[in-house]
């Protein structure tokens, strides 16, 4: 088995960590000159963009993504995702066959439609990309060479509570305030919709205020049988002004703080991928702000367990989003699993030497 595979190439294009497998396949990035297929793991904007898809179309490359990723991207992108000759949506877990290779998308439990990417190449063998993944995966890649997301490292092990605990505590705290004063709930796309689903208050609280993207994502999640607000009023609209005139508490929801502007009233819940090592999942910053350490990413030992389940012969930890975590992960994988591992930065230096 070849070590330090030079047929995998992770480059920084447009601030994307374009992951190139062999000569023909690119994951979550720009199409290379000789590539034939660009695969997108999920709908978060640090992994896919309108420009990336448009460039792939322009260069006559095939674009591959899950159906839910297509639907979520369609809510905020201008690229034609309803129909295009170059766009390919796999049928469930069935591998798509191309000239000399196959690609299979496997649920990654990060957000709706997120996928692990498994590749079987006639020239380079079985290789794949974890994508961003959560803690409840029930099907794993079958690959020899793994590129691993490094949003977190495997050494977040001091936490005395689980992500499920954090979600439950957050929903309980929200219910104590919703209807009593203005509430601002800010969480990443997908995670926000999961929180709204778990709140399950929409028989009584029928209207929330948010932005266009939040409204579009909630509609997709609702169609996927997640419970979501029945009526989402756009921030800055006449409908929002009418709600304010009623002088009743309003629930605002957003994927980022900028959507809600600088003059928020009431209490703000900031759900971030930080604070996961704190003593408690909910931390009061001041009288009007609470920070919640909640993530849709796998953390701590669950990352190492993921690699153990995949059982590759070689791992490259992706340095493009978190250099420090990629270093920690590569070291832990070698120490705890005995699997050769290096960061993508180290791998690139070897390829260049």
Foldseek 3Di string as FASTA:
>chain_A
DDPLDLQWAFDQDPLARWIGHHQAETEQDADDLRHAEYEYQAQDPSRDALVRVVRCVVSNHAYEFAPLRLQLNVLPHPPDSVDDPRYDHDDAQDWDDDVFKTWGWFDQQLFPRGTWIWMAGNVPGIETESGFHFLDGDDAYQGQEYAYEQPAAQALDQAPDDLVVLLVVVLVVVVVCPFPAAEEEEAAQRVLLQSQLVNPPQVPVQEAEFASSNVSSNVSVVVVVRDHRNYYHYPPDPVVVVVVVVVTHHYYYYHDDPRNPDDDDAAYEAEDCPPSSPHDQWDDPDPRYIYGNHHSGYYHCSSLVNCVVNVHQEYEYEPSPPVVSRQNRQVCNCVPVVHHYYYSVVSVVVSVD
